[in-house]
Amino acid sequence: MQKKLTITVDQEVYDGLRKTIGPRKISRFIQELVRPQVVRPNLEAAYADMARDSRREKEAMEWAEATFKDADYEAR
């Protein structure tokens, strides 16, 4: 469901949005910018999905093991 929101911006910002984005696309542009800042994904579900991908898990484990081996040789 969509909700209507009224916001106030400077004339310069408004003109720039209309010129750069287009008059009928401003709402979508703002939503795409704001969404990642205010809508948090369900990380537990996302991590569970990633863990079920055996190929990705194998690659991640190989990378981690190689990284740990490199850390053993670093000067302390």
C-alpha atoms as a PDB file:
ATOM      1  CA  MET A   1       0.000   0.000   0.000  1.00  0.00           C
ATOM      2  CA  GLN A   2       1.272   3.447  -0.851  1.00  0.00           C
ATOM      3  CA  LYS A   3       0.901   6.530   1.314  1.00  0.00           C
ATOM      4  CA  LYS A   4       1.021  10.127   0.194  1.00  0.00           C
ATOM      5  CA  LEU A   5       3.660  12.271   1.907  1.00  0.00           C
ATOM      6  CA  THR A   6       4.146  16.002   1.646  1.00  0.00           C
ATOM      7  CA  ILE A   7       7.694  17.250   2.081  1.00  0.00           C
ATOM      8  CA  THR A   8       9.244  20.681   1.804  1.00  0.00           C
ATOM      9  CA  VAL A   9      12.487  21.321  -0.081  1.00  0.00           C
ATOM     10  CA  ASP A  10      14.316  24.427  -1.277  1.00  0.00           C
ATOM     11  CA  GLN A  11      13.376  25.731  -4.707  1.00  0.00           C
ATOM     12  CA  GLU A  12      16.876  24.907  -5.968  1.00  0.00           C
ATOM     13  CA  VAL A  13      16.495  21.257  -4.879  1.00  0.00           C
ATOM     14  CA  TYR A  14      13.048  21.011  -6.427  1.00  0.00           C
ATOM     15  CA  ASP A  15      14.257  22.472  -9.721  1.00  0.00           C
ATOM     16  CA  GLY A  16      17.206  20.085  -9.732  1.00  0.00           C
ATOM     17  CA  LEU A  17      14.952  17.094  -9.112  1.00  0.00           C
ATOM     18  CA  ARG A  18      12.591  18.071 -11.918  1.00  0.00           C
ATOM     19  CA  LYS A  19      15.475  18.710 -14.312  1.00  0.00           C
ATOM     20  CA  THR A  20      17.552  15.649 -13.432  1.00  0.00           C
ATOM     21  CA  ILE A  21      14.947  13.032 -12.497  1.00  0.00           C
ATOM     22  CA  GLY A  22      11.860  14.258 -14.295  1.00  0.00           C
ATOM     23  CA  PRO A  23       8.580  15.598 -12.954  1.00  0.00           C
ATOM     24  CA  ARG A  24       6.762  12.250 -12.774  1.00  0.00           C
ATOM     25  CA  LYS A  25       9.637  10.234 -11.295  1.00  0.00           C
ATOM     26  CA  ILE A  26      10.605  12.170  -8.161  1.00  0.00           C
ATOM     27  CA  SER A  27       8.618  10.022  -5.695  1.00  0.00           C
ATOM     28  CA  ARG A  28      10.199   6.811  -6.918  1.00  0.00           C
ATOM     29  CA  PHE A  29      13.679   8.370  -6.863  1.00  0.00           C
ATOM     30  CA  ILE A  30      13.270   9.537  -3.264  1.00  0.00           C
ATOM     31  CA  GLN A  31      11.820   6.185  -2.179  1.00  0.00           C
ATOM     32  CA  GLU A  32      14.787   4.296  -3.658  1.00  0.00           C
ATOM     33  CA  LEU A  33      17.205   6.604  -1.829  1.00  0.00           C
ATOM     34  CA  VAL A  34      15.418   6.449   1.510  1.00  0.00           C
ATOM     35  CA  ARG A  35      14.347   2.785   1.631  1.00  0.00           C
ATOM     36  CA  PRO A  36      17.761   1.307   2.568  1.00  0.00           C
ATOM     37  CA  GLN A  37      18.034   3.798   5.424  1.00  0.00           C
ATOM     38  CA  VAL A  38      14.680   3.034   7.043  1.00  0.00           C
ATOM     39  CA  VAL A  39      13.638  -0.483   5.993  1.00  0.00           C
ATOM     40  CA  ARG A  40      15.888  -3.104   7.521  1.00  0.00           C
ATOM     41  CA  PRO A  41      15.881  -6.603   6.076  1.00  0.00           C
ATOM     42  CA  ASN A  42      15.359  -9.642   8.245  1.00  0.00           C
ATOM     43  CA  LEU A  43      19.052 -10.504   8.647  1.00  0.00           C
ATOM     44  CA  GLU A  44      18.434 -13.876  10.288  1.00  0.00           C
ATOM     45  CA  ALA A  45      16.422 -15.045   7.287  1.00  0.00           C
ATOM     46  CA  ALA A  46      18.976 -13.613   4.865  1.00  0.00           C
ATOM     47  CA  TYR A  47      21.863 -15.371   6.642  1.00  0.00           C
ATOM     48  CA  ALA A  48      19.906 -18.631   6.730  1.00  0.00           C
ATOM     49  CA  ASP A  49      19.300 -18.362   2.978  1.00  0.00           C
ATOM     50  CA  MET A  50      23.011 -17.767   2.385  1.00  0.00           C
ATOM     51  CA  ALA A  51      23.973 -20.716   4.590  1.00  0.00           C
ATOM     52  CA  ARG A  52      21.757 -23.031   2.524  1.00  0.00           C
ATOM     53  CA  ASP A  53      23.815 -22.180  -0.579  1.00  0.00           C
ATOM     54  CA  SER A  54      26.454 -24.899  -0.288  1.00  0.00           C
ATOM     55  CA  ARG A  55      28.571 -23.585  -3.178  1.00  0.00           C
ATOM     56  CA  ARG A  56      28.718 -20.106  -1.647  1.00  0.00           C
ATOM     57  CA  GLU A  57      29.512 -21.559   1.768  1.00  0.00           C
ATOM     58  CA  LYS A  58      32.348 -23.656   0.323  1.00  0.00           C
ATOM     59  CA  GLU A  59      33.837 -20.618  -1.418  1.00  0.00           C
ATOM     60  CA  ALA A  60      33.494 -18.540   1.755  1.00  0.00           C
ATOM     61  CA  MET A  61      35.219 -21.222   3.838  1.00  0.00           C
ATOM     62  CA  GLU A  62      38.086 -21.504   1.338  1.00  0.00           C
ATOM     63  CA  TRP A  63      38.515 -17.731   1.407  1.00  0.00           C
ATOM     64  CA  ALA A  64      38.423 -17.635   5.208  1.00  0.00           C
ATOM     65  CA  GLU A  65      40.971 -20.444   5.548  1.00  0.00           C
ATOM     66  CA  ALA A  66      43.335 -18.716   3.090  1.00  0.00           C
ATOM     67  CA  THR A  67      42.952 -15.446   4.977  1.00  0.00           C
ATOM     68  CA  PHE A  68      43.673 -17.085   8.329  1.00  0.00           C
ATOM     69  CA  LYS A  69      46.808 -18.715   6.920  1.00  0.00           C
ATOM     70  CA  ASP A  70      48.007 -15.308   5.688  1.00  0.00           C
ATOM     71  CA  ALA A  71      47.501 -13.855   9.165  1.00  0.00           C
ATOM     72  CA  ASP A  72      49.845 -16.475  10.660  1.00  0.00           C
ATOM     73  CA  TYR A  73      52.743 -15.064   8.649  1.00  0.00           C
ATOM     74  CA  GLU A  74      52.218 -11.419   9.555  1.00  0.00           C
ATOM     75  CA  ALA A  75      54.927  -9.858  11.698  1.00  0.00           C
ATOM     76  CA  ARG A  76      53.796  -8.988  15.199  1.00  0.00           C
END
